Amino acid sequence: MFSGGEGIIYAVDQAGRLLFYRDKKRDGQGMSPTPRSSAWAVQNHRFVFSGGEGIIYAIDQAGRLLFYRDKKRDGTGDVANPAVIGLGGWLQFKFLCSGGKGIIYAVDPAGQLLFYRDKTRDGTGDVAAPMVIGPGGWLQFKFFFSDDNGVIYVVDPAGRLLASRDKTRDGTGEVAFPAVIGPAGTSISAPPLDLSQTRGALLQSIDPAKTIAARMQMQVQLRLTRGAEPTGDPLEPLLDAPDFPQPMYEALRDLSQDFLFPGLEHVPANTVTLLKTNPQFVESFLVGLNAEMSSELLWRNYPTDQRGTSFRQFWDTSVGNDQADIDMIKKWGDRKLGDNARAGDKLVLLLRASCCAGTRMR
């Protein structure tokens, strides 16, 4: 749970959803309404804290600093699709918090206080190269947080509240060791731990079927061709297949006109007639062509599982309809040849005259 400023309170529930609350009165008398939620993969985040003005920073399991923005800040938006603004190493810190205006304070394993700045605050920057603004000794505290004016608060093991100030707020000053500003109060005890739920959450957080897939989806975005489709197993290798949009009747025609229209020479001159295509022939030709292409790709060590359909176009579609002639062959199932055309039979106009000869397909 953390503050977003101006009475906004963010929380993450056990289902991994980011919840939005608002304290409208901000005088201790108001009650936050029922929270509104958006889907959030919190199991992949180690730290989550606000940067003010709708900015939310998070550290994922790969140790990267992520940038989210709650654009609406009224509980109706969807906080998703983070930008990576810090590469690796962020899991090492014991404490992380925002100091406002893009400032991020961290305490490293040596107990030093570090100063980072997110200069752009729009998800496009690269937050790196911290400056040490406080020597060792910061690991001893139980709680660590800051306001927007450079004041850093901590709570020591005795329950006392301490504070120090980052006077320059630019990474050049040295922050003195915190001084006590509040006596020890009532000890804050942790709530009872439900080990059964903890066990389930822990197993889910280290499940490679989820963590590896989520990490790869964050790092790599693939534009699938028509020959590659996601499988049911997110860890299964994605084997692509090339896609050739050229109409393959041209290759058949170049081999011999008889392959495309046997007996054309016997059609009398000055003849106009209609012809119907032969879908069984078209599909059998494309099946054989794709089988040979799959064998060629396998021979040349191309990363394919031979389930792709590289050639789906037989007729020329440059005149308008760009729909492929056949569906993916692996989707045919037990359908017969001739039953897999996506647009059905085609009508061909045959025109043969003394001055010209040709066909027009519709």
Foldseek 3Di string as FASTA:
>chain_A
DEDQPPQWDWDADLQRWIWIWGQNVPPPPGDTDDTATAHHNCLQWDDWAYQYPQWIWTAGPQRFIWIWGPNPNPRPDHIDDTATQEGHDNVQFPDWEYQYQQWIWTQGPQQFIWIWGPNPSPRPHHIDDIATQEHHDNVQFDDWYYYNQQKIWTAGPQQFIWIWGDHPSPRPHHIDDTDTDGDHDDDDDDDDDDVVSVVVSVCVSPPCQPNVLVVCVSVDDDDADLFWDDDPRSPPDTFHDAADLDACLVVVVVVDVCSVPNPPVVDDAQDKDKDKDDQLSVVVVQVVVLQVVLVVCVVVVRRHPSQGRRAQHHDDCPVDDSDGQFHRPVPCPPDHRQPGGPVHMKMKIWHGHPVDGDIDID
